[in-house]
Amino acid sequence: MDVEIGKQLELAIGQVVQLGEQLITLSTGILVLSITFVKDILKRPASADRSLLAVAWCGYLLTIVAGIWLRMAVAGSLAASKRFVGFEANVTLPAGVQIVLFLFATSAFLVLAIRGIK
């Protein structure tokens, strides 16, 4: 394998893992802060608001799970291959799922926040 290609693959792997870690960190922080301050933010939440908050929290929790899945998939791909040539579906699937879940949860949380501003 060409040395330059090897360095590019190493950088790509590092970026994928780092993105997963950042989404895990953001999701964990948002969960902790929102759970801590939910009573201060939503004084008398409507049923729809409670449901939306539950959806957002579940989305963030699943984002964390998908991030762990991503780390395991990257590690498994690297351990199983003598010659890494690119990301297979076992890595791209959890990466995509994690990103979509994070965007979904954040969207739900933002809708809840906007509805709470009156």
PDB file of N, CA and C in Angstrom:
ATOM      1  N   MET A   1       0.851  -1.169   0.000  1.00  0.00           N
ATOM      2  CA  MET A   1       0.000   0.000   0.000  1.00  0.00           C
ATOM      3  C   MET A   1       0.900   1.236   0.000  1.00  0.00           C
ATOM      4  N   ASP A   2       0.539   2.176  -0.774  1.00  0.00           N
ATOM      5  CA  ASP A   2       1.267   3.430  -0.861  1.00  0.00           C
ATOM      6  C   ASP A   2       1.241   4.131   0.498  1.00  0.00           C
ATOM      7  N   VAL A   3       2.382   4.704   0.897  1.00  0.00           N
ATOM      8  CA  VAL A   3       2.480   5.356   2.203  1.00  0.00           C
ATOM      9  C   VAL A   3       1.482   6.505   2.326  1.00  0.00           C
ATOM     10  N   GLU A   4       1.335   7.292   1.246  1.00  0.00           N
ATOM     11  CA  GLU A   4       0.401   8.428   1.268  1.00  0.00           C
ATOM     12  C   GLU A   4      -1.044   7.958   1.443  1.00  0.00           C
ATOM     13  N   ILE A   5      -1.416   6.886   0.757  1.00  0.00           N
ATOM     14  CA  ILE A   5      -2.766   6.336   0.892  1.00  0.00           C
ATOM     15  C   ILE A   5      -2.971   5.818   2.311  1.00  0.00           C
ATOM     16  N   GLY A   6      -1.954   5.186   2.868  1.00  0.00           N
ATOM     17  CA  GLY A   6      -2.030   4.685   4.238  1.00  0.00           C
ATOM     18  C   GLY A   6      -2.278   5.804   5.229  1.00  0.00           C
ATOM     19  N   LYS A   7      -1.617   6.930   5.051  1.00  0.00           N
ATOM     20  CA  LYS A   7      -1.821   8.070   5.942  1.00  0.00           C
ATOM     21  C   LYS A   7      -3.217   8.658   5.773  1.00  0.00           C
ATOM     22  N   GLN A   8      -3.710   8.685   4.538  1.00  0.00           N
ATOM     23  CA  GLN A   8      -5.058   9.198   4.292  1.00  0.00           C
ATOM     24  C   GLN A   8      -6.111   8.298   4.943  1.00  0.00           C
ATOM     25  N   LEU A   9      -5.925   6.988   4.843  1.00  0.00           N
ATOM     26  CA  LEU A   9      -6.859   6.059   5.481  1.00  0.00           C
ATOM     27  C   LEU A   9      -6.818   6.192   6.996  1.00  0.00           C
ATOM     28  N   GLU A  10      -5.623   6.352   7.536  1.00  0.00           N
ATOM     29  CA  GLU A  10      -5.478   6.533   8.976  1.00  0.00           C
ATOM     30  C   GLU A  10      -6.202   7.803   9.429  1.00  0.00           C
ATOM     31  N   LEU A  11      -6.061   8.861   8.664  1.00  0.00           N
ATOM     32  CA  LEU A  11      -6.741  10.116   8.972  1.00  0.00           C
ATOM     33  C   LEU A  11      -8.260   9.954   8.865  1.00  0.00           C
ATOM     34  N   ALA A  12      -8.716   9.261   7.826  1.00  0.00           N
ATOM     35  CA  ALA A  12     -10.158   9.042   7.643  1.00  0.00           C
ATOM     36  C   ALA A  12     -10.746   8.241   8.804  1.00  0.00           C
ATOM     37  N   ILE A  13     -10.060   7.197   9.213  1.00  0.00           N
ATOM     38  CA  ILE A  13     -10.526   6.388  10.338  1.00  0.00           C
ATOM     39  C   ILE A  13     -10.599   7.232  11.600  1.00  0.00           C
ATOM     40  N   GLY A  14      -9.572   8.029  11.827  1.00  0.00           N
ATOM     41  CA  GLY A  14      -9.558   8.908  12.999  1.00  0.00           C
ATOM     42  C   GLY A  14     -10.707   9.906  12.988  1.00  0.00           C
ATOM     43  N   GLN A  15     -11.022  10.446  11.814  1.00  0.00           N
ATOM     44  CA  GLN A  15     -12.117  11.416  11.712  1.00  0.00           C
ATOM     45  C   GLN A  15     -13.468  10.772  11.993  1.00  0.00           C
ATOM     46  N   VAL A  16     -13.670   9.566  11.481  1.00  0.00           N
ATOM     47  CA  VAL A  16     -14.931   8.859  11.722  1.00  0.00           C
ATOM     48  C   VAL A  16     -15.104   8.582  13.213  1.00  0.00           C
ATOM     49  N   VAL A  17     -14.059   8.097  13.842  1.00  0.00           N
ATOM     50  CA  VAL A  17     -14.126   7.799  15.270  1.00  0.00           C
ATOM     51  C   VAL A  17     -14.332   9.083  16.073  1.00  0.00           C
ATOM     52  N   GLN A  18     -13.645  10.151  15.687  1.00  0.00           N
ATOM     53  CA  GLN A  18     -13.774  11.417  16.403  1.00  0.00           C
ATOM     54  C   GLN A  18     -15.190  11.993  16.278  1.00  0.00           C
ATOM     55  N   LEU A  19     -15.784  11.910  15.095  1.00  0.00           N
ATOM     56  CA  LEU A  19     -17.161  12.380  14.927  1.00  0.00           C
ATOM     57  C   LEU A  19     -18.105  11.608  15.835  1.00  0.00           C
ATOM     58  N   GLY A  20     -17.937  10.298  15.875  1.00  0.00           N
ATOM     59  CA  GLY A  20     -18.766   9.480  16.761  1.00  0.00           C
ATOM     60  C   GLY A  20     -18.611   9.879  18.215  1.00  0.00           C
ATOM     61  N   GLU A  21     -17.377  10.123  18.637  1.00  0.00           N
ATOM     62  CA  GLU A  21     -17.121  10.542  20.017  1.00  0.00           C
ATOM     63  C   GLU A  21     -17.755  11.899  20.311  1.00  0.00           C
ATOM     64  N   GLN A  22     -17.671  12.820  19.374  1.00  0.00           N
ATOM     65  CA  GLN A  22     -18.255  14.143  19.579  1.00  0.00           C
ATOM     66  C   GLN A  22     -19.767  14.066  19.706  1.00  0.00           C
ATOM     67  N   LEU A  23     -20.402  13.243  18.882  1.00  0.00           N
ATOM     68  CA  LEU A  23     -21.860  13.100  18.979  1.00  0.00           C
ATOM     69  C   LEU A  23     -22.267  12.423  20.290  1.00  0.00           C
ATOM     70  N   ILE A  24     -21.459  11.478  20.759  1.00  0.00           N
ATOM     71  CA  ILE A  24     -21.722  10.856  22.060  1.00  0.00           C
ATOM     72  C   ILE A  24     -21.614  11.911  23.163  1.00  0.00           C
ATOM     73  N   THR A  25     -20.571  12.725  23.106  1.00  0.00           N
ATOM     74  CA  THR A  25     -20.360  13.756  24.120  1.00  0.00           C
ATOM     75  C   THR A  25     -21.489  14.784  24.117  1.00  0.00           C
ATOM     76  N   LEU A  26     -21.862  15.258  22.934  1.00  0.00           N
ATOM     77  CA  LEU A  26     -22.953  16.227  22.836  1.00  0.00           C
ATOM     78  C   LEU A  26     -24.265  15.642  23.347  1.00  0.00           C
ATOM     79  N   SER A  27     -24.568  14.415  22.941  1.00  0.00           N
ATOM     80  CA  SER A  27     -25.815  13.771  23.364  1.00  0.00           C
ATOM     81  C   SER A  27     -25.851  13.579  24.867  1.00  0.00           C
ATOM     82  N   THR A  28     -24.740  13.154  25.442  1.00  0.00           N
ATOM     83  CA  THR A  28     -24.670  12.957  26.889  1.00  0.00           C
ATOM     84  C   THR A  28     -24.862  14.282  27.620  1.00  0.00           C
ATOM     85  N   GLY A  29     -24.192  15.322  27.146  1.00  0.00           N
ATOM     86  CA  GLY A  29     -24.320  16.634  27.775  1.00  0.00           C
ATOM     87  C   GLY A  29     -25.730  17.181  27.693  1.00  0.00           C
ATOM     88  N   ILE A  30     -26.342  17.074  26.532  1.00  0.00           N
ATOM     89  CA  ILE A  30     -27.715  17.556  26.366  1.00  0.00           C
ATOM     90  C   ILE A  30     -28.669  16.772  27.262  1.00  0.00           C
ATOM     91  N   LEU A  31     -28.481  15.462  27.325  1.00  0.00           N
ATOM     92  CA  LEU A  31     -29.332  14.641  28.199  1.00  0.00           C
ATOM     93  C   LEU A  31     -29.202  15.070  29.656  1.00  0.00           C
ATOM     94  N   VAL A  32     -27.976  15.177  30.130  1.00  0.00           N
ATOM     95  CA  VAL A  32     -27.741  15.520  31.532  1.00  0.00           C
ATOM     96  C   VAL A  32     -28.312  16.900  31.864  1.00  0.00           C
ATOM     97  N   LEU A  33     -28.014  17.883  31.023  1.00  0.00           N
ATOM     98  CA  LEU A  33     -28.506  19.235  31.291  1.00  0.00           C
ATOM     99  C   LEU A  33     -30.029  19.329  31.206  1.00  0.00           C
ATOM    100  N   SER A  34     -30.602  18.689  30.211  1.00  0.00           N
ATOM    101  CA  SER A  34     -32.061  18.787  30.062  1.00  0.00           C
ATOM    102  C   SER A  34     -32.783  18.037  31.174  1.00  0.00           C
ATOM    103  N   ILE A  35     -32.240  16.913  31.599  1.00  0.00           N
ATOM    104  CA  ILE A  35     -32.859  16.185  32.714  1.00  0.00           C
ATOM    105  C   ILE A  35     -32.726  16.995  34.010  1.00  0.00           C
ATOM    106  N   THR A  36     -31.576  17.621  34.196  1.00  0.00           N
ATOM    107  CA  THR A  36     -31.340  18.411  35.403  1.00  0.00           C
ATOM    108  C   THR A  36     -32.269  19.614  35.494  1.00  0.00           C
ATOM    109  N   PHE A  37     -32.475  20.294  34.365  1.00  0.00           N
ATOM    110  CA  PHE A  37     -33.222  21.543  34.394  1.00  0.00           C
ATOM    111  C   PHE A  37     -34.626  21.458  33.798  1.00  0.00           C
ATOM    112  N   VAL A  38     -35.135  20.277  33.550  1.00  0.00           N
ATOM    113  CA  VAL A  38     -36.444  20.142  32.905  1.00  0.00           C
ATOM    114  C   VAL A  38     -37.556  20.795  33.728  1.00  0.00           C
ATOM    115  N   LYS A  39     -37.477  20.696  35.036  1.00  0.00           N
ATOM    116  CA  LYS A  39     -38.525  21.286  35.872  1.00  0.00           C
ATOM    117  C   LYS A  39     -38.483  22.810  35.849  1.00  0.00           C
ATOM    118  N   ASP A  40     -37.294  23.363  35.654  1.00  0.00           N
ATOM    119  CA  ASP A  40     -37.161  24.814  35.578  1.00  0.00           C
ATOM    120  C   ASP A  40     -37.616  25.348  34.227  1.00  0.00           C
ATOM    121  N   ILE A  41     -37.415  24.563  33.193  1.00  0.00           N
ATOM    122  CA  ILE A  41     -37.741  25.005  31.838  1.00  0.00           C
ATOM    123  C   ILE A  41     -39.218  24.799  31.535  1.00  0.00           C
ATOM    124  N   LEU A  42     -39.723  23.634  31.868  1.00  0.00           N
ATOM    125  CA  LEU A  42     -41.128  23.316  31.600  1.00  0.00           C
ATOM    126  C   LEU A  42     -41.883  23.289  32.926  1.00  0.00           C
ATOM    127  N   LYS A  43     -42.504  24.401  33.264  1.00  0.00           N
ATOM    128  CA  LYS A  43     -43.219  24.503  34.545  1.00  0.00           C
ATOM    129  C   LYS A  43     -44.426  23.567  34.584  1.00  0.00           C
ATOM    130  N   ARG A  44     -45.296  23.703  33.601  1.00  0.00           N
ATOM    131  CA  ARG A  44     -46.483  22.858  33.495  1.00  0.00           C
ATOM    132  C   ARG A  44     -46.575  22.350  32.060  1.00  0.00           C
ATOM    133  N   PRO A  45     -45.787  21.321  31.738  1.00  0.00           N
ATOM    134  CA  PRO A  45     -45.765  20.866  30.347  1.00  0.00           C
ATOM    135  C   PRO A  45     -47.062  20.172  29.934  1.00  0.00           C
ATOM    136  N   ALA A  46     -47.454  20.442  28.711  1.00  0.00           N
ATOM    137  CA  ALA A  46     -48.607  19.747  28.140  1.00  0.00           C
ATOM    138  C   ALA A  46     -48.205  18.306  27.835  1.00  0.00           C
ATOM    139  N   SER A  47     -49.186  17.474  27.621  1.00  0.00           N
ATOM    140  CA  SER A  47     -48.929  16.067  27.313  1.00  0.00           C
ATOM    141  C   SER A  47     -48.070  15.930  26.062  1.00  0.00           C
ATOM    142  N   ALA A  48     -48.350  16.753  25.053  1.00  0.00           N
ATOM    143  CA  ALA A  48     -47.568  16.701  23.813  1.00  0.00           C
ATOM    144  C   ALA A  48     -46.124  17.094  24.064  1.00  0.00           C
ATOM    145  N   ASP A  49     -45.894  18.057  24.969  1.00  0.00           N
ATOM    146  CA  ASP A  49     -44.532  18.473  25.288  1.00  0.00           C
ATOM    147  C   ASP A  49     -43.760  17.375  26.009  1.00  0.00           C
ATOM    148  N   ARG A  50     -44.437  16.694  26.929  1.00  0.00           N
ATOM    149  CA  ARG A  50     -43.788  15.574  27.624  1.00  0.00           C
ATOM    150  C   ARG A  50     -43.422  14.472  26.632  1.00  0.00           C
ATOM    151  N   SER A  51     -44.324  14.211  25.703  1.00  0.00           N
ATOM    152  CA  SER A  51     -44.054  13.187  24.683  1.00  0.00           C
ATOM    153  C   SER A  51     -42.875  13.595  23.802  1.00  0.00           C
ATOM    154  N   LEU A  52     -42.842  14.851  23.409  1.00  0.00           N
ATOM    155  CA  LEU A  52     -41.756  15.350  22.573  1.00  0.00           C
ATOM    156  C   LEU A  52     -40.424  15.280  23.309  1.00  0.00           C
ATOM    157  N   LEU A  53     -40.442  15.608  24.595  1.00  0.00           N
ATOM    158  CA  LEU A  53     -39.231  15.512  25.402  1.00  0.00           C
ATOM    159  C   LEU A  53     -38.764  14.061  25.511  1.00  0.00           C
ATOM    160  N   ALA A  54     -39.687  13.143  25.697  1.00  0.00           N
ATOM    161  CA  ALA A  54     -39.340  11.721  25.767  1.00  0.00           C
ATOM    162  C   ALA A  54     -38.742  11.246  24.448  1.00  0.00           C
ATOM    163  N   VAL A  55     -39.296  11.702  23.334  1.00  0.00           N
ATOM    164  CA  VAL A  55     -38.764  11.338  22.017  1.00  0.00           C
ATOM    165  C   VAL A  55     -37.336  11.867  21.866  1.00  0.00           C
ATOM    166  N   ALA A  56     -37.119  13.118  22.269  1.00  0.00           N
ATOM    167  CA  ALA A  56     -35.778  13.704  22.167  1.00  0.00           C
ATOM    168  C   ALA A  56     -34.793  12.936  23.041  1.00  0.00           C
ATOM    169  N   TRP A  57     -35.185  12.642  24.272  1.00  0.00           N
ATOM    170  CA  TRP A  57     -34.298  11.901  25.167  1.00  0.00           C
ATOM    171  C   TRP A  57     -33.979  10.519  24.618  1.00  0.00           C
ATOM    172  N   CYS A  58     -34.977   9.827  24.105  1.00  0.00           N
ATOM    173  CA  CYS A  58     -34.735   8.507  23.504  1.00  0.00           C
ATOM    174  C   CYS A  58     -33.808   8.629  22.295  1.00  0.00           C
ATOM    175  N   GLY A  59     -34.004   9.667  21.503  1.00  0.00           N
ATOM    176  CA  GLY A  59     -33.126   9.891  20.357  1.00  0.00           C
ATOM    177  C   GLY A  59     -31.688  10.096  20.774  1.00  0.00           C
ATOM    178  N   TYR A  60     -31.468  10.887  21.823  1.00  0.00           N
ATOM    179  CA  TYR A  60     -30.095  11.101  22.301  1.00  0.00           C
ATOM    180  C   TYR A  60     -29.507   9.820  22.883  1.00  0.00           C
ATOM    181  N   LEU A  61     -30.311   9.066  23.608  1.00  0.00           N
ATOM    182  CA  LEU A  61     -29.831   7.796  24.157  1.00  0.00           C
ATOM    183  C   LEU A  61     -29.448   6.837  23.033  1.00  0.00           C
ATOM    184  N   LEU A  62     -30.275   6.765  22.001  1.00  0.00           N
ATOM    185  CA  LEU A  62     -29.962   5.890  20.858  1.00  0.00           C
ATOM    186  C   LEU A  62     -28.760   6.406  20.066  1.00  0.00           C
ATOM    187  N   THR A  63     -28.546   7.723  20.064  1.00  0.00           N
ATOM    188  CA  THR A  63     -27.346   8.281  19.436  1.00  0.00           C
ATOM    189  C   THR A  63     -26.101   7.766  20.146  1.00  0.00           C
ATOM    190  N   ILE A  64     -26.143   7.732  21.462  1.00  0.00           N
ATOM    191  CA  ILE A  64     -25.018   7.223  22.245  1.00  0.00           C
ATOM    192  C   ILE A  64     -24.781   5.744  21.929  1.00  0.00           C
ATOM    193  N   VAL A  65     -25.862   4.973  21.870  1.00  0.00           N
ATOM    194  CA  VAL A  65     -25.747   3.541  21.543  1.00  0.00           C
ATOM    195  C   VAL A  65     -25.157   3.358  20.144  1.00  0.00           C
ATOM    196  N   ALA A  66     -25.622   4.144  19.179  1.00  0.00           N
ATOM    197  CA  ALA A  66     -25.096   4.037  17.812  1.00  0.00           C
ATOM    198  C   ALA A  66     -23.626   4.426  17.758  1.00  0.00           C
ATOM    199  N   GLY A  67     -23.210   5.381  18.582  1.00  0.00           N
ATOM    200  CA  GLY A  67     -21.797   5.769  18.635  1.00  0.00           C
ATOM    201  C   GLY A  67     -20.919   4.646  19.163  1.00  0.00           C
ATOM    202  N   ILE A  68     -21.414   3.940  20.159  1.00  0.00           N
ATOM    203  CA  ILE A  68     -20.674   2.786  20.676  1.00  0.00           C
ATOM    204  C   ILE A  68     -20.617   1.690  19.622  1.00  0.00           C
ATOM    205  N   TRP A  69     -21.720   1.480  18.941  1.00  0.00           N
ATOM    206  CA  TRP A  69     -21.778   0.509  17.833  1.00  0.00           C
ATOM    207  C   TRP A  69     -20.760   0.882  16.760  1.00  0.00           C
ATOM    208  N   LEU A  70     -20.673   2.154  16.433  1.00  0.00           N
ATOM    209  CA  LEU A  70     -19.710   2.632  15.437  1.00  0.00           C
ATOM    210  C   LEU A  70     -18.284   2.325  15.863  1.00  0.00           C
ATOM    211  N   ARG A  71     -17.951   2.622  17.104  1.00  0.00           N
ATOM    212  CA  ARG A  71     -16.585   2.346  17.600  1.00  0.00           C
ATOM    213  C   ARG A  71     -16.269   0.856  17.501  1.00  0.00           C
ATOM    214  N   MET A  72     -17.229   0.031  17.875  1.00  0.00           N
ATOM    215  CA  MET A  72     -17.015  -1.410  17.806  1.00  0.00           C
ATOM    216  C   MET A  72     -16.852  -1.867  16.358  1.00  0.00           C
ATOM    217  N   ALA A  73     -17.620  -1.297  15.453  1.00  0.00           N
ATOM    218  CA  ALA A  73     -17.531  -1.677  14.040  1.00  0.00           C
ATOM    219  C   ALA A  73     -16.185  -1.284  13.444  1.00  0.00           C
ATOM    220  N   VAL A  74     -15.707  -0.096  13.773  1.00  0.00           N
ATOM    221  CA  VAL A  74     -14.392   0.341  13.264  1.00  0.00           C
ATOM    222  C   VAL A  74     -13.304  -0.573  13.812  1.00  0.00           C
ATOM    223  N   ALA A  75     -13.359  -0.845  15.100  1.00  0.00           N
ATOM    224  CA  ALA A  75     -12.355  -1.723  15.708  1.00  0.00           C
ATOM    225  C   ALA A  75     -12.400  -3.124  15.097  1.00  0.00           C
ATOM    226  N   GLY A  76     -13.608  -3.639  14.888  1.00  0.00           N
ATOM    227  CA  GLY A  76     -13.747  -4.967  14.291  1.00  0.00           C
ATOM    228  C   GLY A  76     -13.237  -5.009  12.863  1.00  0.00           C
ATOM    229  N   SER A  77     -13.510  -3.959  12.102  1.00  0.00           N
ATOM    230  CA  SER A  77     -13.040  -3.907  10.717  1.00  0.00           C
ATOM    231  C   SER A  77     -11.520  -3.874  10.647  1.00  0.00           C
ATOM    232  N   LEU A  78     -10.928  -3.092  11.523  1.00  0.00           N
ATOM    233  CA  LEU A  78      -9.468  -2.993  11.517  1.00  0.00           C
ATOM    234  C   LEU A  78      -8.814  -4.283  12.010  1.00  0.00           C
ATOM    235  N   ALA A  79      -9.428  -4.929  12.987  1.00  0.00           N
ATOM    236  CA  ALA A  79      -8.862  -6.161  13.527  1.00  0.00           C
ATOM    237  C   ALA A  79      -9.002  -7.329  12.550  1.00  0.00           C
ATOM    238  N   ALA A  80     -10.082  -7.342  11.776  1.00  0.00           N
ATOM    239  CA  ALA A  80     -10.363  -8.466  10.886  1.00  0.00           C
ATOM    240  C   ALA A  80      -9.634  -8.364   9.551  1.00  0.00           C
ATOM    241  N   SER A  81      -9.155  -7.188   9.220  1.00  0.00           N
ATOM    242  CA  SER A  81      -8.574  -6.976   7.903  1.00  0.00           C
ATOM    243  C   SER A  81      -7.067  -6.799   7.991  1.00  0.00           C
ATOM    244  N   LYS A  82      -6.371  -7.517   7.129  1.00  0.00           N
ATOM    245  CA  LYS A  82      -4.922  -7.332   7.043  1.00  0.00           C
ATOM    246  C   LYS A  82      -4.599  -6.117   6.189  1.00  0.00           C
ATOM    247  N   ARG A  83      -5.539  -5.771   5.338  1.00  0.00           N
ATOM    248  CA  ARG A  83      -5.340  -4.630   4.441  1.00  0.00           C
ATOM    249  C   ARG A  83      -6.642  -3.836   4.370  1.00  0.00           C
ATOM    250  N   PHE A  84      -6.661  -2.745   5.069  1.00  0.00           N
ATOM    251  CA  PHE A  84      -7.864  -1.896   5.107  1.00  0.00           C
ATOM    252  C   PHE A  84      -7.929  -1.083   3.822  1.00  0.00           C
ATOM    253  N   VAL A  85      -9.068  -1.182   3.118  1.00  0.00           N
ATOM    254  CA  VAL A  85      -9.202  -0.451   1.859  1.00  0.00           C
ATOM    255  C   VAL A  85     -10.293   0.612   1.909  1.00  0.00           C
ATOM    256  N   GLY A  86     -11.150   0.563   2.883  1.00  0.00           N
ATOM    257  CA  GLY A  86     -12.225   1.548   2.978  1.00  0.00           C
ATOM    258  C   GLY A  86     -13.289   1.086   3.942  1.00  0.00           C
ATOM    259  N   PHE A  87     -14.265   1.924   4.136  1.00  0.00           N
ATOM    260  CA  PHE A  87     -15.333   1.599   5.073  1.00  0.00           C
ATOM    261  C   PHE A  87     -16.399   0.769   4.394  1.00  0.00           C
ATOM    262  N   GLU A  88     -16.781  -0.303   5.052  1.00  0.00           N
ATOM    263  CA  GLU A  88     -17.846  -1.179   4.581  1.00  0.00           C
ATOM    264  C   GLU A  88     -19.145  -0.779   5.279  1.00  0.00           C
ATOM    265  N   ALA A  89     -20.209  -1.458   4.925  1.00  0.00           N
ATOM    266  CA  ALA A  89     -21.526  -1.154   5.497  1.00  0.00           C
ATOM    267  C   ALA A  89     -21.559  -1.337   7.009  1.00  0.00           C
ATOM    268  N   ASN A  90     -20.712  -2.224   7.546  1.00  0.00           N
ATOM    269  CA  ASN A  90     -20.713  -2.424   8.992  1.00  0.00           C
ATOM    270  C   ASN A  90     -20.232  -1.185   9.743  1.00  0.00           C
ATOM    271  N   VAL A  91     -19.557  -0.265   9.062  1.00  0.00           N
ATOM    272  CA  VAL A  91     -19.130   0.992   9.664  1.00  0.00           C
ATOM    273  C   VAL A  91     -20.028   2.143   9.213  1.00  0.00           C
ATOM    274  N   THR A  92     -20.359   2.182   7.932  1.00  0.00           N
ATOM    275  CA  THR A  92     -21.163   3.297   7.429  1.00  0.00           C
ATOM    276  C   THR A  92     -22.591   3.273   7.981  1.00  0.00           C
ATOM    277  N   LEU A  93     -23.138   2.085   8.232  1.00  0.00           N
ATOM    278  CA  LEU A  93     -24.494   1.999   8.777  1.00  0.00           C
ATOM    279  C   LEU A  93     -24.587   2.623  10.171  1.00  0.00           C
ATOM    280  N   PRO A  94     -23.763   2.201  11.142  1.00  0.00           N
ATOM    281  CA  PRO A  94     -23.894   2.839  12.456  1.00  0.00           C
ATOM    282  C   PRO A  94     -23.527   4.324  12.432  1.00  0.00           C
ATOM    283  N   ALA A  95     -22.609   4.711  11.572  1.00  0.00           N
ATOM    284  CA  ALA A  95     -22.250   6.131  11.472  1.00  0.00           C
ATOM    285  C   ALA A  95     -23.456   6.930  10.977  1.00  0.00           C
ATOM    286  N   GLY A  96     -24.107   6.434   9.943  1.00  0.00           N
ATOM    287  CA  GLY A  96     -25.286   7.112   9.413  1.00  0.00           C
ATOM    288  C   GLY A  96     -26.426   7.127  10.403  1.00  0.00           C
ATOM    289  N   VAL A  97     -26.646   6.009  11.076  1.00  0.00           N
ATOM    290  CA  VAL A  97     -27.712   5.921  12.074  1.00  0.00           C
ATOM    291  C   VAL A  97     -27.459   6.920  13.202  1.00  0.00           C
ATOM    292  N   GLN A  98     -26.212   7.008  13.649  1.00  0.00           N
ATOM    293  CA  GLN A  98     -25.880   7.923  14.736  1.00  0.00           C
ATOM    294  C   GLN A  98     -26.155   9.373  14.334  1.00  0.00           C
ATOM    295  N   ILE A  99     -25.747   9.748  13.148  1.00  0.00           N
ATOM    296  CA  ILE A  99     -25.950  11.122  12.680  1.00  0.00           C
ATOM    297  C   ILE A  99     -27.431  11.436  12.536  1.00  0.00           C
ATOM    298  N   VAL A 100     -28.188  10.522  11.934  1.00  0.00           N
ATOM    299  CA  VAL A 100     -29.628  10.747  11.752  1.00  0.00           C
ATOM    300  C   VAL A 100     -30.338  10.841  13.104  1.00  0.00           C
ATOM    301  N   LEU A 101     -29.995   9.965  14.038  1.00  0.00           N
ATOM    302  CA  LEU A 101     -30.619  10.008  15.360  1.00  0.00           C
ATOM    303  C   LEU A 101     -30.307  11.315  16.086  1.00  0.00           C
ATOM    304  N   PHE A 102     -29.062  11.763  15.981  1.00  0.00           N
ATOM    305  CA  PHE A 102     -28.688  13.013  16.630  1.00  0.00           C
ATOM    306  C   PHE A 102     -29.479  14.184  16.040  1.00  0.00           C
ATOM    307  N   LEU A 103     -29.572  14.236  14.725  1.00  0.00           N
ATOM    308  CA  LEU A 103     -30.327  15.318  14.077  1.00  0.00           C
ATOM    309  C   LEU A 103     -31.810  15.246  14.442  1.00  0.00           C
ATOM    310  N   PHE A 104     -32.353  14.038  14.490  1.00  0.00           N
ATOM    311  CA  PHE A 104     -33.757  13.849  14.857  1.00  0.00           C
ATOM    312  C   PHE A 104     -34.008  14.316  16.289  1.00  0.00           C
ATOM    313  N   ALA A 105     -33.161  13.871  17.218  1.00  0.00           N
ATOM    314  CA  ALA A 105     -33.335  14.236  18.626  1.00  0.00           C
ATOM    315  C   ALA A 105     -33.173  15.741  18.825  1.00  0.00           C
ATOM    316  N   THR A 106     -32.208  16.316  18.152  1.00  0.00           N
ATOM    317  CA  THR A 106     -31.986  17.753  18.270  1.00  0.00           C
ATOM    318  C   THR A 106     -33.176  18.529  17.697  1.00  0.00           C
ATOM    319  N   SER A 107     -33.715  18.062  16.595  1.00  0.00           N
ATOM    320  CA  SER A 107     -34.889  18.714  16.010  1.00  0.00           C
ATOM    321  C   SER A 107     -36.068  18.656  16.976  1.00  0.00           C
ATOM    322  N   ALA A 108     -36.296  17.505  17.573  1.00  0.00           N
ATOM    323  CA  ALA A 108     -37.395  17.363  18.533  1.00  0.00           C
ATOM    324  C   ALA A 108     -37.179  18.271  19.733  1.00  0.00           C
ATOM    325  N   PHE A 109     -35.951  18.346  20.191  1.00  0.00           N
ATOM    326  CA  PHE A 109     -35.632  19.189  21.344  1.00  0.00           C
ATOM    327  C   PHE A 109     -35.810  20.666  21.012  1.00  0.00           C
ATOM    328  N   LEU A 110     -35.416  21.059  19.811  1.00  0.00           N
ATOM    329  CA  LEU A 110     -35.588  22.452  19.390  1.00  0.00           C
ATOM    330  C   LEU A 110     -37.064  22.816  19.251  1.00  0.00           C
ATOM    331  N   VAL A 111     -37.863  21.915  18.708  1.00  0.00           N
ATOM    332  CA  VAL A 111     -39.307  22.168  18.610  1.00  0.00           C
ATOM    333  C   VAL A 111     -39.886  22.361  20.011  1.00  0.00           C
ATOM    334  N   LEU A 112     -39.470  21.522  20.934  1.00  0.00           N
ATOM    335  CA  LEU A 112     -39.927  21.643  22.317  1.00  0.00           C
ATOM    336  C   LEU A 112     -39.507  22.990  22.903  1.00  0.00           C
ATOM    337  N   ALA A 113     -38.279  23.399  22.674  1.00  0.00           N
ATOM    338  CA  ALA A 113     -37.790  24.673  23.195  1.00  0.00           C
ATOM    339  C   ALA A 113     -38.559  25.855  22.599  1.00  0.00           C
ATOM    340  N   ILE A 114     -38.806  25.801  21.310  1.00  0.00           N
ATOM    341  CA  ILE A 114     -39.537  26.882  20.649  1.00  0.00           C
ATOM    342  C   ILE A 114     -40.978  26.949  21.165  1.00  0.00           C
ATOM    343  N   ARG A 115     -41.596  25.792  21.351  1.00  0.00           N
ATOM    344  CA  ARG A 115     -42.960  25.763  21.873  1.00  0.00           C
ATOM    345  C   ARG A 115     -43.018  26.296  23.295  1.00  0.00           C
ATOM    346  N   GLY A 116     -41.925  26.105  24.053  1.00  0.00           N
ATOM    347  CA  GLY A 116     -41.876  26.554  25.443  1.00  0.00           C
ATOM    348  C   GLY A 116     -41.688  28.060  25.579  1.00  0.00           C
ATOM    349  N   ILE A 117     -41.193  28.713  24.523  1.00  0.00           N
ATOM    350  CA  ILE A 117     -40.997  30.156  24.561  1.00  0.00           C
ATOM    351  C   ILE A 117     -42.340  30.820  24.245  1.00  0.00           C
ATOM    352  N   LYS A 118     -42.878  31.467  25.231  1.00  0.00           N
ATOM    353  CA  LYS A 118     -44.205  32.105  25.033  1.00  0.00           C
ATOM    354  C   LYS A 118     -44.187  33.508  25.547  1.00  0.00           C
TER     355      LYS A 118
END
